[in-house]
Amino acid sequence: MLTASQPGGRQGRCAQRYNAALMATDVAGETRDLEGVRVVMLDDLWRNKILRDHPELASHLDDVLRAVAEPDRILPDPVYERRRRHYLRGAGPSRWLLVVVSYEQEPARVISAFGNRKDPRSWSE
């Protein structure tokens, strides 16, 4: 069984059911963020969302995971409080690889990834 991501955290029945469902779901890859939190890339999301919208990322799964583990910049999501944008320079098909991680569930998961030519928001201000 997966453990809670917060030190000393406890899992309720809902989290336990979710984790059991996740264990039955194929994971395309996983890593840990800078704080040591487990982050997964679900196979279905990788194939049916990210690669559908951004087929140029097909050979960049390792870069997507590296953007989470070793980002050059992390910014909060401008809309969702429990999401973060991880930026990795010089990886993927563009100047920046932008990977959005949702911490709204356990384990955290990559929910979007795409190339971006623009510098992260706080660097260009």
N, C-alpha and C. Protein backbone atom coordinates (compact mmCIF):
# COMPACT_ATOMS: atom_id res chain seq x y z
N MET A 1 0.84 -1.18 0.00
CA MET A 1 0.00 0.00 0.00
C MET A 1 0.88 1.23 0.00
N LEU A 2 0.49 2.25 -0.72
CA LEU A 2 1.22 3.51 -0.77
C LEU A 2 1.05 4.25 0.52
N THR A 3 2.03 5.06 0.88
CA THR A 3 1.94 5.85 2.10
C THR A 3 1.52 7.27 1.77
N ALA A 4 1.06 7.97 2.76
CA ALA A 4 0.66 9.36 2.57
C ALA A 4 1.89 10.20 2.25
N SER A 5 1.72 11.22 1.43
CA SER A 5 2.86 12.02 1.01
C SER A 5 3.32 12.99 2.08
N GLN A 6 2.49 13.35 2.99
CA GLN A 6 2.88 14.26 4.05
C GLN A 6 3.48 13.47 5.20
N PRO A 7 4.58 13.97 5.79
CA PRO A 7 5.17 13.27 6.93
C PRO A 7 4.12 13.09 8.02
N GLY A 8 4.01 11.88 8.50
CA GLY A 8 3.04 11.58 9.54
C GLY A 8 1.61 11.53 9.05
N GLY A 9 1.42 11.67 7.73
CA GLY A 9 0.08 11.67 7.17
C GLY A 9 -0.56 10.30 7.26
N ARG A 10 -1.90 10.26 7.20
CA ARG A 10 -2.62 9.00 7.26
C ARG A 10 -3.55 8.91 6.08
N GLN A 11 -3.78 7.70 5.65
CA GLN A 11 -4.69 7.49 4.52
C GLN A 11 -6.06 7.11 5.04
N GLY A 12 -7.06 7.76 4.46
CA GLY A 12 -8.43 7.38 4.76
C GLY A 12 -8.87 6.28 3.81
N ARG A 13 -10.10 5.82 3.98
CA ARG A 13 -10.61 4.74 3.12
C ARG A 13 -10.66 5.15 1.65
N CYS A 14 -11.01 6.41 1.40
CA CYS A 14 -11.08 6.89 0.02
C CYS A 14 -9.70 6.80 -0.63
N ALA A 15 -8.67 7.26 0.07
CA ALA A 15 -7.30 7.20 -0.47
C ALA A 15 -6.87 5.77 -0.68
N GLN A 16 -7.23 4.88 0.22
CA GLN A 16 -6.86 3.48 0.08
C GLN A 16 -7.52 2.87 -1.15
N ARG A 17 -8.80 3.19 -1.39
CA ARG A 17 -9.48 2.69 -2.59
C ARG A 17 -8.84 3.26 -3.84
N TYR A 18 -8.51 4.56 -3.81
CA TYR A 18 -7.87 5.18 -4.96
C TYR A 18 -6.54 4.50 -5.25
N ASN A 19 -5.74 4.26 -4.23
CA ASN A 19 -4.44 3.64 -4.42
C ASN A 19 -4.57 2.23 -4.96
N ALA A 20 -5.57 1.50 -4.52
CA ALA A 20 -5.80 0.15 -5.04
C ALA A 20 -6.15 0.23 -6.52
N ALA A 21 -6.97 1.21 -6.91
CA ALA A 21 -7.32 1.39 -8.32
C ALA A 21 -6.09 1.77 -9.13
N LEU A 22 -5.24 2.63 -8.57
CA LEU A 22 -4.04 3.05 -9.27
C LEU A 22 -3.10 1.86 -9.50
N MET A 23 -3.02 0.96 -8.53
CA MET A 23 -2.13 -0.19 -8.66
C MET A 23 -2.55 -1.06 -9.84
N ALA A 24 -3.86 -1.01 -10.19
CA ALA A 24 -4.36 -1.79 -11.32
C ALA A 24 -4.19 -1.03 -12.63
N THR A 25 -3.77 0.23 -12.56
CA THR A 25 -3.60 1.07 -13.73
C THR A 25 -2.14 1.01 -14.18
N ASP A 26 -1.92 0.94 -15.48
CA ASP A 26 -0.56 0.93 -15.99
C ASP A 26 0.09 2.29 -15.81
N VAL A 27 1.33 2.26 -15.35
CA VAL A 27 2.11 3.47 -15.16
C VAL A 27 3.20 3.48 -16.22
N ALA A 28 3.24 4.55 -17.02
CA ALA A 28 4.25 4.67 -18.08
C ALA A 28 5.61 5.01 -17.50
N GLY A 29 5.63 5.70 -16.36
CA GLY A 29 6.88 6.06 -15.71
C GLY A 29 6.60 6.73 -14.39
N GLU A 30 7.62 6.81 -13.55
CA GLU A 30 7.46 7.49 -12.28
C GLU A 30 8.79 8.06 -11.83
N THR A 31 8.71 9.05 -10.96
CA THR A 31 9.90 9.70 -10.43
C THR A 31 9.54 10.30 -9.09
N ARG A 32 10.44 11.04 -8.52
CA ARG A 32 10.18 11.81 -7.29
C ARG A 32 10.51 13.26 -7.58
N ASP A 33 9.71 14.16 -7.03
CA ASP A 33 10.00 15.58 -7.23
C ASP A 33 11.10 16.01 -6.26
N LEU A 34 11.44 17.28 -6.24
CA LEU A 34 12.53 17.78 -5.40
C LEU A 34 12.26 17.60 -3.91
N GLU A 35 11.00 17.46 -3.54
CA GLU A 35 10.64 17.26 -2.13
C GLU A 35 10.52 15.78 -1.78
N GLY A 36 10.79 14.90 -2.75
CA GLY A 36 10.72 13.46 -2.50
C GLY A 36 9.35 12.85 -2.68
N VAL A 37 8.39 13.61 -3.18
CA VAL A 37 7.03 13.11 -3.40
C VAL A 37 7.01 12.26 -4.67
N ARG A 38 6.38 11.10 -4.58
CA ARG A 38 6.25 10.21 -5.75
C ARG A 38 5.30 10.84 -6.76
N VAL A 39 5.74 10.86 -8.02
CA VAL A 39 4.95 11.42 -9.12
C VAL A 39 4.91 10.37 -10.22
N VAL A 40 3.71 10.04 -10.70
CA VAL A 40 3.56 9.03 -11.74
C VAL A 40 3.04 9.65 -13.03
N MET A 41 3.38 8.98 -14.12
CA MET A 41 2.80 9.29 -15.43
C MET A 41 1.97 8.07 -15.80
N LEU A 42 0.67 8.22 -15.80
CA LEU A 42 -0.20 7.11 -16.15
C LEU A 42 -0.12 6.86 -17.65
N ASP A 43 -0.05 5.59 -18.03
CA ASP A 43 0.09 5.21 -19.43
C ASP A 43 -1.07 5.75 -20.27
N ASP A 44 -2.27 5.64 -19.76
CA ASP A 44 -3.44 6.11 -20.51
C ASP A 44 -3.37 7.62 -20.76
N LEU A 45 -2.97 8.38 -19.76
CA LEU A 45 -2.85 9.83 -19.91
C LEU A 45 -1.72 10.17 -20.88
N TRP A 46 -0.61 9.46 -20.80
CA TRP A 46 0.51 9.69 -21.71
C TRP A 46 0.09 9.46 -23.17
N ARG A 47 -0.55 8.32 -23.43
CA ARG A 47 -0.92 7.97 -24.81
C ARG A 47 -2.12 8.75 -25.32
N ASN A 48 -3.17 8.87 -24.50
CA ASN A 48 -4.45 9.39 -24.97
C ASN A 48 -4.68 10.88 -24.73
N LYS A 49 -3.78 11.53 -24.02
CA LYS A 49 -3.91 12.97 -23.86
C LYS A 49 -2.64 13.68 -24.33
N ILE A 50 -1.53 13.39 -23.68
CA ILE A 50 -0.31 14.14 -23.98
C ILE A 50 0.16 13.86 -25.41
N LEU A 51 0.30 12.60 -25.79
CA LEU A 51 0.78 12.29 -27.15
C LEU A 51 -0.26 12.62 -28.22
N ARG A 52 -1.53 12.55 -27.87
CA ARG A 52 -2.56 12.95 -28.83
C ARG A 52 -2.44 14.45 -29.13
N ASP A 53 -2.25 15.25 -28.08
CA ASP A 53 -2.16 16.70 -28.25
C ASP A 53 -0.78 17.17 -28.68
N HIS A 54 0.26 16.41 -28.32
CA HIS A 54 1.65 16.80 -28.59
C HIS A 54 2.47 15.60 -29.06
N PRO A 55 2.21 15.09 -30.26
CA PRO A 55 2.91 13.89 -30.73
C PRO A 55 4.42 14.09 -30.82
N GLU A 56 4.89 15.32 -30.86
CA GLU A 56 6.33 15.59 -30.91
C GLU A 56 7.04 15.15 -29.62
N LEU A 57 6.29 14.83 -28.57
CA LEU A 57 6.89 14.37 -27.31
C LEU A 57 7.07 12.85 -27.26
N ALA A 58 6.72 12.14 -28.30
CA ALA A 58 6.73 10.67 -28.28
C ALA A 58 8.04 10.08 -27.80
N SER A 59 9.15 10.68 -28.13
CA SER A 59 10.45 10.13 -27.70
C SER A 59 11.01 10.85 -26.48
N HIS A 60 10.15 11.58 -25.74
CA HIS A 60 10.64 12.41 -24.64
C HIS A 60 10.06 12.08 -23.27
N LEU A 61 9.58 10.85 -23.08
CA LEU A 61 9.04 10.48 -21.76
C LEU A 61 10.09 10.66 -20.67
N ASP A 62 11.33 10.25 -20.92
CA ASP A 62 12.39 10.42 -19.92
C ASP A 62 12.62 11.88 -19.59
N ASP A 63 12.54 12.76 -20.59
CA ASP A 63 12.69 14.19 -20.35
C ASP A 63 11.54 14.74 -19.50
N VAL A 64 10.33 14.25 -19.75
CA VAL A 64 9.18 14.69 -18.97
C VAL A 64 9.39 14.33 -17.50
N LEU A 65 9.84 13.12 -17.24
CA LEU A 65 10.08 12.70 -15.86
C LEU A 65 11.25 13.47 -15.24
N ARG A 66 12.26 13.76 -16.05
CA ARG A 66 13.41 14.54 -15.55
C ARG A 66 13.00 15.96 -15.22
N ALA A 67 12.04 16.52 -15.95
CA ALA A 67 11.55 17.86 -15.65
C ALA A 67 10.92 17.92 -14.26
N VAL A 68 10.35 16.81 -13.82
CA VAL A 68 9.77 16.74 -12.47
C VAL A 68 10.87 16.56 -11.43
N ALA A 69 11.82 15.69 -11.71
CA ALA A 69 12.86 15.35 -10.74
C ALA A 69 13.97 16.40 -10.65
N GLU A 70 14.29 17.03 -11.78
CA GLU A 70 15.44 17.95 -11.84
C GLU A 70 15.08 19.22 -12.62
N PRO A 71 14.04 19.92 -12.21
CA PRO A 71 13.61 21.09 -12.99
C PRO A 71 14.58 22.26 -12.87
N ASP A 72 14.56 23.10 -13.89
CA ASP A 72 15.30 24.36 -13.81
C ASP A 72 14.47 25.42 -13.09
N ARG A 73 13.16 25.25 -13.09
CA ARG A 73 12.27 26.23 -12.48
C ARG A 73 10.96 25.54 -12.13
N ILE A 74 10.39 25.90 -11.00
CA ILE A 74 9.05 25.42 -10.60
C ILE A 74 8.22 26.64 -10.25
N LEU A 75 7.03 26.71 -10.81
CA LEU A 75 6.11 27.80 -10.51
C LEU A 75 4.75 27.23 -10.12
N PRO A 76 4.02 27.93 -9.26
CA PRO A 76 2.66 27.47 -8.96
C PRO A 76 1.77 27.62 -10.19
N ASP A 77 0.79 26.76 -10.29
CA ASP A 77 -0.19 26.89 -11.36
C ASP A 77 -1.02 28.14 -11.08
N PRO A 78 -1.32 28.94 -12.11
CA PRO A 78 -2.06 30.18 -11.87
C PRO A 78 -3.54 29.97 -11.51
N VAL A 79 -4.05 28.76 -11.70
CA VAL A 79 -5.47 28.51 -11.45
C VAL A 79 -5.69 27.54 -10.29
N TYR A 80 -4.95 26.43 -10.27
CA TYR A 80 -5.18 25.36 -9.30
C TYR A 80 -4.10 25.37 -8.22
N GLU A 81 -4.52 25.51 -6.99
CA GLU A 81 -3.60 25.63 -5.86
C GLU A 81 -2.68 24.43 -5.67
N ARG A 82 -3.16 23.24 -5.95
CA ARG A 82 -2.37 22.02 -5.69
C ARG A 82 -1.72 21.47 -6.96
N ARG A 83 -1.41 22.35 -7.89
CA ARG A 83 -0.68 21.98 -9.11
C ARG A 83 0.54 22.86 -9.24
N ARG A 84 1.59 22.30 -9.85
CA ARG A 84 2.81 23.07 -10.08
C ARG A 84 3.28 22.86 -11.52
N ARG A 85 3.93 23.88 -12.04
CA ARG A 85 4.51 23.83 -13.37
C ARG A 85 6.02 23.65 -13.25
N HIS A 86 6.52 22.56 -13.80
CA HIS A 86 7.95 22.25 -13.77
C HIS A 86 8.53 22.55 -15.14
N TYR A 87 9.59 23.34 -15.18
CA TYR A 87 10.23 23.73 -16.44
C TYR A 87 11.62 23.12 -16.51
N LEU A 88 11.95 22.55 -17.66
CA LEU A 88 13.28 22.02 -17.92
C LEU A 88 13.79 22.63 -19.22
N ARG A 89 14.91 23.29 -19.14
CA ARG A 89 15.48 23.98 -20.30
C ARG A 89 16.25 23.00 -21.19
N GLY A 90 16.10 23.18 -22.50
CA GLY A 90 16.88 22.40 -23.46
C GLY A 90 16.49 20.94 -23.56
N ALA A 91 15.29 20.59 -23.15
CA ALA A 91 14.82 19.21 -23.24
C ALA A 91 13.54 19.19 -24.07
N GLY A 92 13.31 18.13 -24.75
CA GLY A 92 12.10 18.05 -25.56
C GLY A 92 12.26 18.80 -26.87
N PRO A 93 11.14 19.06 -27.52
CA PRO A 93 11.17 19.61 -28.88
C PRO A 93 11.28 21.13 -28.96
N SER A 94 11.41 21.81 -27.83
CA SER A 94 11.42 23.27 -27.84
C SER A 94 12.44 23.78 -26.83
N ARG A 95 12.47 25.09 -26.66
CA ARG A 95 13.42 25.70 -25.74
C ARG A 95 13.22 25.22 -24.30
N TRP A 96 11.97 25.11 -23.89
CA TRP A 96 11.60 24.64 -22.56
C TRP A 96 10.65 23.46 -22.68
N LEU A 97 10.74 22.55 -21.74
CA LEU A 97 9.73 21.51 -21.57
C LEU A 97 8.94 21.89 -20.33
N LEU A 98 7.65 22.09 -20.48
CA LEU A 98 6.79 22.47 -19.37
C LEU A 98 5.95 21.26 -18.99
N VAL A 99 6.02 20.85 -17.74
CA VAL A 99 5.30 19.69 -17.24
C VAL A 99 4.44 20.13 -16.05
N VAL A 100 3.15 19.86 -16.12
CA VAL A 100 2.24 20.21 -15.04
C VAL A 100 2.01 18.96 -14.17
N VAL A 101 2.24 19.13 -12.86
CA VAL A 101 2.05 18.04 -11.91
C VAL A 101 0.90 18.40 -10.98
N SER A 102 -0.03 17.48 -10.83
CA SER A 102 -1.15 17.64 -9.91
C SER A 102 -0.84 16.90 -8.61
N TYR A 103 -0.92 17.63 -7.51
CA TYR A 103 -0.76 17.05 -6.18
C TYR A 103 -2.11 16.89 -5.50
N GLU A 104 -3.17 16.86 -6.31
CA GLU A 104 -4.53 16.77 -5.81
C GLU A 104 -4.92 15.34 -5.45
N GLN A 105 -4.08 14.38 -5.72
CA GLN A 105 -4.32 12.98 -5.41
C GLN A 105 -2.98 12.35 -5.04
N GLU A 106 -3.05 11.14 -4.55
CA GLU A 106 -1.84 10.41 -4.16
C GLU A 106 -1.79 9.09 -4.90
N PRO A 107 -0.71 8.77 -5.57
CA PRO A 107 0.45 9.62 -5.73
C PRO A 107 0.15 10.80 -6.66
N ALA A 108 1.00 11.81 -6.60
CA ALA A 108 0.87 12.95 -7.51
C ALA A 108 1.04 12.43 -8.93
N ARG A 109 0.52 13.17 -9.91
CA ARG A 109 0.65 12.69 -11.28
C ARG A 109 0.90 13.84 -12.26
N VAL A 110 1.60 13.49 -13.32
CA VAL A 110 1.77 14.40 -14.44
C VAL A 110 0.43 14.46 -15.16
N ILE A 111 -0.06 15.67 -15.41
CA ILE A 111 -1.35 15.79 -16.10
C ILE A 111 -1.23 16.49 -17.44
N SER A 112 -0.07 17.12 -17.70
CA SER A 112 0.14 17.77 -18.99
C SER A 112 1.63 17.96 -19.20
N ALA A 113 2.02 18.01 -20.46
CA ALA A 113 3.41 18.27 -20.82
C ALA A 113 3.44 18.79 -22.25
N PHE A 114 4.28 19.79 -22.48
CA PHE A 114 4.40 20.33 -23.84
C PHE A 114 5.64 21.21 -23.93
N GLY A 115 6.11 21.39 -25.15
CA GLY A 115 7.22 22.29 -25.40
C GLY A 115 6.75 23.73 -25.36
N ASN A 116 7.65 24.61 -24.92
CA ASN A 116 7.30 26.02 -24.79
C ASN A 116 8.52 26.86 -25.14
N ARG A 117 8.37 27.81 -26.03
CA ARG A 117 9.50 28.67 -26.43
C ARG A 117 9.75 29.80 -25.45
N LYS A 118 8.69 30.23 -24.74
CA LYS A 118 8.80 31.38 -23.86
C LYS A 118 9.46 31.00 -22.53
N ASP A 119 10.21 31.96 -21.98
CA ASP A 119 10.78 31.76 -20.65
C ASP A 119 9.65 31.66 -19.62
N PRO A 120 9.91 30.95 -18.51
CA PRO A 120 8.90 30.91 -17.44
C PRO A 120 8.49 32.34 -17.05
N ARG A 121 7.25 32.49 -16.67
CA ARG A 121 6.63 33.78 -16.40
C ARG A 121 7.49 34.67 -15.52
N SER A 122 7.97 34.21 -14.40
CA SER A 122 8.71 35.06 -13.47
C SER A 122 10.08 35.46 -14.00
N TRP A 123 10.60 34.76 -15.01
CA TRP A 123 11.92 35.11 -15.57
C TRP A 123 11.81 36.21 -16.61
N SER A 124 10.64 36.39 -17.16
CA SER A 124 10.50 37.39 -18.23
C SER A 124 9.87 38.69 -17.73
N GLU A 125 9.58 38.76 -16.44
CA GLU A 125 8.96 39.98 -15.89
C GLU A 125 10.03 40.99 -15.52
